[in-house]
């Protein structure tokens, strides 16, 4: 079920708090693998490096970073 109260709809919410990059990337990969291609996860990440790490991770993995509004990031699972 897509959440629509937010201006950018999402299918899943992942709040990782202040988890560091390595663990954040692993948690995000696990969450995205639960979703269908094209679905969106809204990530809440308070790690100070997240504004640099998440865009780089998306570029490396081919997943789309739809929106950045720290501490929130909307990431769309790549369409295999």
PDB file of N, CA and C in Angstrom:
ATOM      1  N   UNK A   1       0.847  -1.174   0.000  1.00  0.00           N
ATOM      2  CA  UNK A   1       0.000   0.000   0.000  1.00  0.00           C
ATOM      3  C   UNK A   1       0.893   1.238   0.000  1.00  0.00           C
ATOM      4  N   UNK A   2       0.644   2.148  -0.900  1.00  0.00           N
ATOM      5  CA  UNK A   2       1.431   3.365  -0.998  1.00  0.00           C
ATOM      6  C   UNK A   2       0.904   4.405  -0.022  1.00  0.00           C
ATOM      7  N   UNK A   3       1.801   5.048   0.696  1.00  0.00           N
ATOM      8  CA  UNK A   3       1.443   6.118   1.615  1.00  0.00           C
ATOM      9  C   UNK A   3       1.351   7.397   0.800  1.00  0.00           C
ATOM     10  N   UNK A   4       0.252   8.138   0.919  1.00  0.00           N
ATOM     11  CA  UNK A   4       0.056   9.303   0.061  1.00  0.00           C
ATOM     12  C   UNK A   4       0.019  10.632   0.805  1.00  0.00           C
ATOM     13  N   UNK A   5       0.124  10.637   2.118  1.00  0.00           N
ATOM     14  CA  UNK A   5       0.110  11.900   2.859  1.00  0.00           C
ATOM     15  C   UNK A   5       1.345  12.735   2.544  1.00  0.00           C
ATOM     16  N   UNK A   6       2.411  12.092   2.206  1.00  0.00           N
ATOM     17  CA  UNK A   6       3.673  12.740   1.903  1.00  0.00           C
ATOM     18  C   UNK A   6       3.643  13.218   0.451  1.00  0.00           C
ATOM     19  N   UNK A   7       4.253  14.363   0.119  1.00  0.00           N
ATOM     20  CA  UNK A   7       4.262  14.822  -1.266  1.00  0.00           C
ATOM     21  C   UNK A   7       4.959  13.851  -2.223  1.00  0.00           C
ATOM     22  N   UNK A   8       5.867  13.039  -1.721  1.00  0.00           N
ATOM     23  CA  UNK A   8       6.500  12.001  -2.531  1.00  0.00           C
ATOM     24  C   UNK A   8       6.041  10.661  -1.983  1.00  0.00           C
ATOM     25  N   UNK A   9       5.163   9.957  -2.723  1.00  0.00           N
ATOM     26  CA  UNK A   9       4.637   8.690  -2.219  1.00  0.00           C
ATOM     27  C   UNK A   9       5.738   7.658  -2.017  1.00  0.00           C
ATOM     28  N   UNK A  10       5.533   6.767  -1.066  1.00  0.00           N
ATOM     29  CA  UNK A  10       6.493   5.707  -0.822  1.00  0.00           C
ATOM     30  C   UNK A  10       5.761   4.451  -0.381  1.00  0.00           C
ATOM     31  N   UNK A  11       6.429   3.328  -0.561  1.00  0.00           N
ATOM     32  CA  UNK A  11       5.830   2.036  -0.271  1.00  0.00           C
ATOM     33  C   UNK A  11       6.326   1.436   1.034  1.00  0.00           C
ATOM     34  N   UNK A  12       7.458   1.935   1.525  1.00  0.00           N
ATOM     35  CA  UNK A  12       8.061   1.399   2.738  1.00  0.00           C
ATOM     36  C   UNK A  12       8.806   2.522   3.449  1.00  0.00           C
ATOM     37  N   UNK A  13       8.887   2.428   4.767  1.00  0.00           N
ATOM     38  CA  UNK A  13       9.624   3.405   5.569  1.00  0.00           C
ATOM     39  C   UNK A  13      10.718   2.675   6.327  1.00  0.00           C
ATOM     40  N   UNK A  14      11.950   3.186   6.209  1.00  0.00           N
ATOM     41  CA  UNK A  14      13.097   2.595   6.894  1.00  0.00           C
ATOM     42  C   UNK A  14      13.765   3.687   7.718  1.00  0.00           C
ATOM     43  N   UNK A  15      13.610   3.622   9.029  1.00  0.00           N
ATOM     44  CA  UNK A  15      14.244   4.593   9.923  1.00  0.00           C
ATOM     45  C   UNK A  15      15.479   3.926  10.520  1.00  0.00           C
ATOM     46  N   UNK A  16      16.653   4.389  10.077  1.00  0.00           N
ATOM     47  CA  UNK A  16      17.905   3.786  10.536  1.00  0.00           C
ATOM     48  C   UNK A  16      18.594   4.630  11.594  1.00  0.00           C
ATOM     49  N   UNK A  17      17.974   5.728  11.995  1.00  0.00           N
ATOM     50  CA  UNK A  17      18.543   6.577  13.041  1.00  0.00           C
ATOM     51  C   UNK A  17      19.907   7.104  12.653  1.00  0.00           C
ATOM     52  N   UNK A  18      20.894   6.924  13.529  1.00  0.00           N
ATOM     53  CA  UNK A  18      22.242   7.429  13.254  1.00  0.00           C
ATOM     54  C   UNK A  18      23.196   6.311  12.839  1.00  0.00           C
ATOM     55  N   UNK A  19      22.644   5.240  12.259  1.00  0.00           N
ATOM     56  CA  UNK A  19      23.443   4.113  11.774  1.00  0.00           C
ATOM     57  C   UNK A  19      24.464   4.614  10.751  1.00  0.00           C
ATOM     58  N   UNK A  20      25.685   4.095  10.831  1.00  0.00           N
ATOM     59  CA  UNK A  20      26.751   4.521   9.921  1.00  0.00           C
ATOM     60  C   UNK A  20      26.620   3.859   8.558  1.00  0.00           C
ATOM     61  N   UNK A  21      27.374   4.379   7.602  1.00  0.00           N
ATOM     62  CA  UNK A  21      27.266   4.042   6.193  1.00  0.00           C
ATOM     63  C   UNK A  21      27.230   2.548   5.884  1.00  0.00           C
ATOM     64  N   UNK A  22      28.172   1.780   6.392  1.00  0.00           N
ATOM     65  CA  UNK A  22      28.226   0.359   6.070  1.00  0.00           C
ATOM     66  C   UNK A  22      26.966  -0.382   6.462  1.00  0.00           C
ATOM     67  N   UNK A  23      26.522  -0.178   7.687  1.00  0.00           N
ATOM     68  CA  UNK A  23      25.296  -0.827   8.150  1.00  0.00           C
ATOM     69  C   UNK A  23      24.072  -0.245   7.453  1.00  0.00           C
ATOM     70  N   UNK A  24      24.083   1.049   7.206  1.00  0.00           N
ATOM     71  CA  UNK A  24      22.979   1.694   6.504  1.00  0.00           C
ATOM     72  C   UNK A  24      22.807   1.082   5.120  1.00  0.00           C
ATOM     73  N   UNK A  25      23.899   0.916   4.384  1.00  0.00           N
ATOM     74  CA  UNK A  25      23.835   0.343   3.038  1.00  0.00           C
ATOM     75  C   UNK A  25      23.268  -1.076   3.078  1.00  0.00           C
ATOM     76  N   UNK A  26      23.683  -1.869   4.051  1.00  0.00           N
ATOM     77  CA  UNK A  26      23.187  -3.230   4.180  1.00  0.00           C
ATOM     78  C   UNK A  26      21.696  -3.237   4.502  1.00  0.00           C
ATOM     79  N   UNK A  27      21.281  -2.417   5.447  1.00  0.00           N
ATOM     80  CA  UNK A  27      19.867  -2.343   5.826  1.00  0.00           C
ATOM     81  C   UNK A  27      19.010  -1.873   4.650  1.00  0.00           C
ATOM     82  N   UNK A  28      19.520  -0.904   3.898  1.00  0.00           N
ATOM     83  CA  UNK A  28      18.785  -0.377   2.753  1.00  0.00           C
ATOM     84  C   UNK A  28      18.655  -1.443   1.661  1.00  0.00           C
ATOM     85  N   UNK A  29      19.730  -2.180   1.401  1.00  0.00           N
ATOM     86  CA  UNK A  29      19.678  -3.243   0.388  1.00  0.00           C
ATOM     87  C   UNK A  29      18.638  -4.298   0.777  1.00  0.00           C
ATOM     88  N   UNK A  30      18.625  -4.683   2.040  1.00  0.00           N
ATOM     89  CA  UNK A  30      17.659  -5.682   2.511  1.00  0.00           C
ATOM     90  C   UNK A  30      16.234  -5.157   2.326  1.00  0.00           C
ATOM     91  N   UNK A  31      16.007  -3.899   2.687  1.00  0.00           N
ATOM     92  CA  UNK A  31      14.665  -3.314   2.563  1.00  0.00           C
ATOM     93  C   UNK A  31      14.237  -3.225   1.098  1.00  0.00           C
ATOM     94  N   UNK A  32      15.133  -2.776   0.217  1.00  0.00           N
ATOM     95  CA  UNK A  32      14.788  -2.666  -1.200  1.00  0.00           C
ATOM     96  C   UNK A  32      14.496  -4.033  -1.806  1.00  0.00           C
ATOM     97  N   UNK A  33      15.204  -5.061  -1.354  1.00  0.00           N
ATOM     98  CA  UNK A  33      14.969  -6.408  -1.881  1.00  0.00           C
ATOM     99  C   UNK A  33      13.590  -6.940  -1.514  1.00  0.00           C
ATOM    100  N   UNK A  34      12.971  -6.380  -0.494  1.00  0.00           N
ATOM    101  CA  UNK A  34      11.617  -6.769  -0.109  1.00  0.00           C
ATOM    102  C   UNK A  34      10.572  -6.160  -1.053  1.00  0.00           C
ATOM    103  N   UNK A  35      10.965  -5.111  -1.765  1.00  0.00           N
ATOM    104  CA  UNK A  35      10.033  -4.358  -2.600  1.00  0.00           C
ATOM    105  C   UNK A  35      10.081  -4.815  -4.047  1.00  0.00           C
ATOM    106  N   UNK A  36       9.003  -4.548  -4.756  1.00  0.00           N
ATOM    107  CA  UNK A  36       8.944  -4.794  -6.192  1.00  0.00           C
ATOM    108  C   UNK A  36       9.765  -3.725  -6.911  1.00  0.00           C
ATOM    109  N   UNK A  37      10.327  -4.040  -8.084  1.00  0.00           N
ATOM    110  CA  UNK A  37      11.024  -3.012  -8.870  1.00  0.00           C
ATOM    111  C   UNK A  37      10.111  -1.808  -9.111  1.00  0.00           C
ATOM    112  N   UNK A  38      10.676  -0.624  -8.971  1.00  0.00           N
ATOM    113  CA  UNK A  38       9.914   0.610  -9.152  1.00  0.00           C
ATOM    114  C   UNK A  38       9.282   1.148  -7.885  1.00  0.00           C
ATOM    115  N   UNK A  39       9.218   0.342  -6.822  1.00  0.00           N
ATOM    116  CA  UNK A  39       8.656   0.821  -5.562  1.00  0.00           C
ATOM    117  C   UNK A  39       9.674   1.692  -4.833  1.00  0.00           C
ATOM    118  N   UNK A  40       9.171   2.488  -3.902  1.00  0.00           N
ATOM    119  CA  UNK A  40       9.982   3.507  -3.236  1.00  0.00           C
ATOM    120  C   UNK A  40      10.053   3.257  -1.740  1.00  0.00           C
ATOM    121  N   UNK A  41      11.257   3.409  -1.196  1.00  0.00           N
ATOM    122  CA  UNK A  41      11.449   3.374   0.246  1.00  0.00           C
ATOM    123  C   UNK A  41      11.844   4.787   0.700  1.00  0.00           C
ATOM    124  N   UNK A  42      11.215   5.234   1.769  1.00  0.00           N
ATOM    125  CA  UNK A  42      11.596   6.499   2.396  1.00  0.00           C
ATOM    126  C   UNK A  42      12.530   6.131   3.543  1.00  0.00           C
ATOM    127  N   UNK A  43      13.754   6.628   3.468  1.00  0.00           N
ATOM    128  CA  UNK A  43      14.772   6.337   4.473  1.00  0.00           C
ATOM    129  C   UNK A  43      14.935   7.550   5.377  1.00  0.00           C
ATOM    130  N   UNK A  44      14.921   7.320   6.667  1.00  0.00           N
ATOM    131  CA  UNK A  44      15.240   8.355   7.642  1.00  0.00           C
ATOM    132  C   UNK A  44      16.631   8.011   8.177  1.00  0.00           C
ATOM    133  N   UNK A  45      17.612   8.854   7.870  1.00  0.00           N
ATOM    134  CA  UNK A  45      19.001   8.594   8.254  1.00  0.00           C
ATOM    135  C   UNK A  45      19.607   9.862   8.838  1.00  0.00           C
ATOM    136  N   UNK A  46      20.039   9.783  10.080  1.00  0.00           N
ATOM    137  CA  UNK A  46      20.578  10.951  10.780  1.00  0.00           C
ATOM    138  C   UNK A  46      22.100  10.974  10.857  1.00  0.00           C
ATOM    139  N   UNK A  47      22.757  10.020  10.223  1.00  0.00           N
ATOM    140  CA  UNK A  47      24.218  10.020  10.156  1.00  0.00           C
ATOM    141  C   UNK A  47      24.652  11.263   9.379  1.00  0.00           C
ATOM    142  N   UNK A  48      25.585  12.063   9.900  1.00  0.00           N
ATOM    143  CA  UNK A  48      26.012  13.283   9.208  1.00  0.00           C
ATOM    144  C   UNK A  48      26.550  13.034   7.794  1.00  0.00           C
ATOM    145  N   UNK A  49      27.015  11.831   7.513  1.00  0.00           N
ATOM    146  CA  UNK A  49      27.556  11.515   6.186  1.00  0.00           C
ATOM    147  C   UNK A  49      26.471  11.071   5.194  1.00  0.00           C
ATOM    148  N   UNK A  50      25.262  10.842   5.650  1.00  0.00           N
ATOM    149  CA  UNK A  50      24.198  10.325   4.784  1.00  0.00           C
ATOM    150  C   UNK A  50      23.948  11.202   3.545  1.00  0.00           C
ATOM    151  N   UNK A  51      23.980  12.541   3.633  1.00  0.00           N
ATOM    152  CA  UNK A  51      23.745  13.342   2.428  1.00  0.00           C
ATOM    153  C   UNK A  51      24.766  13.090   1.308  1.00  0.00           C
ATOM    154  N   UNK A  52      25.937  12.600   1.644  1.00  0.00           N
ATOM    155  CA  UNK A  52      26.925  12.242   0.624  1.00  0.00           C
ATOM    156  C   UNK A  52      26.862  10.743   0.311  1.00  0.00           C
ATOM    157  N   UNK A  53      26.673   9.927   1.335  1.00  0.00           N
ATOM    158  CA  UNK A  53      26.728   8.475   1.166  1.00  0.00           C
ATOM    159  C   UNK A  53      25.546   7.919   0.371  1.00  0.00           C
ATOM    160  N   UNK A  54      24.338   8.371   0.669  1.00  0.00           N
ATOM    161  CA  UNK A  54      23.179   7.794  -0.009  1.00  0.00           C
ATOM    162  C   UNK A  54      23.154   8.103  -1.505  1.00  0.00           C
ATOM    163  N   UNK A  55      23.424   9.331  -1.945  1.00  0.00           N
ATOM    164  CA  UNK A  55      23.484   9.556  -3.399  1.00  0.00           C
ATOM    165  C   UNK A  55      24.572   8.711  -4.074  1.00  0.00           C
ATOM    166  N   UNK A  56      25.721   8.569  -3.441  1.00  0.00           N
ATOM    167  CA  UNK A  56      26.799   7.752  -4.016  1.00  0.00           C
ATOM    168  C   UNK A  56      26.372   6.292  -4.086  1.00  0.00           C
ATOM    169  N   UNK A  57      25.728   5.780  -3.044  1.00  0.00           N
ATOM    170  CA  UNK A  57      25.267   4.398  -3.031  1.00  0.00           C
ATOM    171  C   UNK A  57      24.247   4.165  -4.144  1.00  0.00           C
ATOM    172  N   UNK A  58      23.333   5.115  -4.316  1.00  0.00           N
ATOM    173  CA  UNK A  58      22.323   4.980  -5.371  1.00  0.00           C
ATOM    174  C   UNK A  58      22.982   4.954  -6.750  1.00  0.00           C
ATOM    175  N   UNK A  59      23.954   5.809  -6.955  1.00  0.00           N
ATOM    176  CA  UNK A  59      24.644   5.835  -8.238  1.00  0.00           C
ATOM    177  C   UNK A  59      25.364   4.503  -8.497  1.00  0.00           C
ATOM    178  N   UNK A  60      26.003   3.964  -7.488  1.00  0.00           N
ATOM    179  CA  UNK A  60      26.721   2.690  -7.636  1.00  0.00           C
ATOM    180  C   UNK A  60      25.791   1.504  -7.884  1.00  0.00           C
ATOM    181  N   UNK A  61      24.623   1.522  -7.266  1.00  0.00           N
ATOM    182  CA  UNK A  61      23.718   0.369  -7.346  1.00  0.00           C
ATOM    183  C   UNK A  61      22.678   0.485  -8.448  1.00  0.00           C
ATOM    184  N   UNK A  62      22.492   1.681  -9.008  1.00  0.00           N
ATOM    185  CA  UNK A  62      21.499   1.861 -10.060  1.00  0.00           C
ATOM    186  C   UNK A  62      20.100   2.145  -9.557  1.00  0.00           C
ATOM    187  N   UNK A  63      19.944   2.310  -8.247  1.00  0.00           N
ATOM    188  CA  UNK A  63      18.654   2.699  -7.687  1.00  0.00           C
ATOM    189  C   UNK A  63      18.525   4.214  -7.793  1.00  0.00           C
ATOM    190  N   UNK A  64      17.295   4.700  -7.942  1.00  0.00           N
ATOM    191  CA  UNK A  64      17.076   6.129  -8.174  1.00  0.00           C
ATOM    192  C   UNK A  64      16.832   6.869  -6.863  1.00  0.00           C
ATOM    193  N   UNK A  65      17.582   7.933  -6.655  1.00  0.00           N
ATOM    194  CA  UNK A  65      17.347   8.820  -5.518  1.00  0.00           C
ATOM    195  C   UNK A  65      16.366   9.883  -5.998  1.00  0.00           C
ATOM    196  N   UNK A  66      15.127   9.786  -5.538  1.00  0.00           N
ATOM    197  CA  UNK A  66      14.064  10.653  -6.034  1.00  0.00           C
ATOM    198  C   UNK A  66      14.030  12.012  -5.360  1.00  0.00           C
ATOM    199  N   UNK A  67      14.378  12.021  -4.082  1.00  0.00           N
ATOM    200  CA  UNK A  67      14.243  13.266  -3.313  1.00  0.00           C
ATOM    201  C   UNK A  67      15.143  13.195  -2.095  1.00  0.00           C
ATOM    202  N   UNK A  68      15.737  14.337  -1.760  1.00  0.00           N
ATOM    203  CA  UNK A  68      16.553  14.461  -0.552  1.00  0.00           C
ATOM    204  C   UNK A  68      15.995  15.616   0.257  1.00  0.00           C
ATOM    205  N   UNK A  69      15.658  15.329   1.490  1.00  0.00           N
ATOM    206  CA  UNK A  69      15.206  16.346   2.434  1.00  0.00           C
ATOM    207  C   UNK A  69      15.674  15.886   3.813  1.00  0.00           C
ATOM    208  N   UNK A  70      17.019  15.984   4.062  1.00  0.00           N
ATOM    209  CA  UNK A  70      17.585  15.419   5.291  1.00  0.00           C
ATOM    210  C   UNK A  70      16.757  15.749   6.528  1.00  0.00           C
ATOM    211  N   UNK A  71      16.511  14.740   7.336  1.00  0.00           N
ATOM    212  CA  UNK A  71      17.097  13.399   7.331  1.00  0.00           C
ATOM    213  C   UNK A  71      16.338  12.391   6.476  1.00  0.00           C
ATOM    214  N   UNK A  72      15.453  12.830   5.565  1.00  0.00           N
ATOM    215  CA  UNK A  72      14.655  11.896   4.761  1.00  0.00           C
ATOM    216  C   UNK A  72      15.188  11.810   3.330  1.00  0.00           C
ATOM    217  N   UNK A  73      15.156  10.576   2.804  1.00  0.00           N
ATOM    218  CA  UNK A  73      15.630  10.287   1.445  1.00  0.00           C
ATOM    219  C   UNK A  73      14.647   9.296   0.820  1.00  0.00           C
ATOM    220  N   UNK A  74      14.197   9.571  -0.400  1.00  0.00           N
ATOM    221  CA  UNK A  74      13.280   8.698  -1.099  1.00  0.00           C
ATOM    222  C   UNK A  74      14.062   7.980  -2.193  1.00  0.00           C
ATOM    223  N   UNK A  75      14.110   6.659  -2.113  1.00  0.00           N
ATOM    224  CA  UNK A  75      14.910   5.859  -3.041  1.00  0.00           C
ATOM    225  C   UNK A  75      13.998   4.850  -3.731  1.00  0.00           C
ATOM    226  N   UNK A  76      14.072   4.842  -5.060  1.00  0.00           N
ATOM    227  CA  UNK A  76      13.255   3.928  -5.863  1.00  0.00           C
ATOM    228  C   UNK A  76      14.083   2.721  -6.280  1.00  0.00           C
ATOM    229  N   UNK A  77      13.534   1.547  -6.019  1.00  0.00           N
ATOM    230  CA  UNK A  77      14.241   0.323  -6.423  1.00  0.00           C
ATOM    231  C   UNK A  77      14.356   0.287  -7.932  1.00  0.00           C
ATOM    232  N   UNK A  78      15.544  -0.075  -8.405  1.00  0.00           N
ATOM    233  CA  UNK A  78      15.750  -0.105  -9.847  1.00  0.00           C
ATOM    234  C   UNK A  78      14.810  -1.119 -10.486  1.00  0.00           C
ATOM    235  N   UNK A  79      14.477  -0.813 -11.714  1.00  0.00           N
ATOM    236  CA  UNK A  79      13.581  -1.687 -12.485  1.00  0.00           C
ATOM    237  C   UNK A  79      14.453  -2.687 -13.214  1.00  0.00           C
ATOM    238  N   UNK A  80      14.624  -3.850 -12.579  1.00  0.00           N
ATOM    239  CA  UNK A  80      15.535  -4.899 -13.060  1.00  0.00           C
ATOM    240  C   UNK A  80      15.537  -5.062 -14.517  1.00  0.00           C
TER     241      UNK A  80
END
